[in-house]
Amino acid sequence: MFNIGDEIVYPMHGAGIIVDIEEKKILGELHKYYILQISISDMKVMLPVNNTETIGIRRIVSENAANDAIDHFLNCEEDENNNWNQRYRENIEKMKSGNLIDVATVAKTLLLRDSKKSLSNAERKMLSNAKNILISELVLAKGMTADEIKEILAI
């Protein structure tokens, strides 16, 4: 169980801070929800307390792990898979994993591909989402601003 003030990651949405825990009555049953303030936006998300493991909610990575993700991002090479449909499915699985290195891989490989050939609309949206998720967790793990993280990553 997480507490107010904990920094967590919600796969496919990003990292943030639990600002509240609320109870809501739905169909006559009382349910608890974490209220997550995403670190790089004004967005708040309600997460059911009972489903955190199923959803893949986890604590943010350590500063050392964040440094490893930055190094991985900076040194990552282009994905050679030219089948965009297969590449898209593989990238979705990486994003769903919530693993910061996987998210960094998706962001970097799509950035590299976009610099050579225009991405499809679906991959362009995935690139934007991957960058936001990566930045949101790095902001919290490193105690830096989003602009500082973007400068380090050169994005």
Foldseek 3Di string as FASTA:
>chain_A
DDDAQFWKAQFLAAIFGQHDWDWDQDPNDIWIWTWGQQQQDRDTDTHTPVCCVVRVMDGFDALVVLVVLLVLLQPADADPDPPVVVVLVVLVVLRSNRRLNSLSNLLNNLVVVCVVPNDDPSSVVSNVSSLSRNLSRSCVNVVHHSVVVCVSSVD
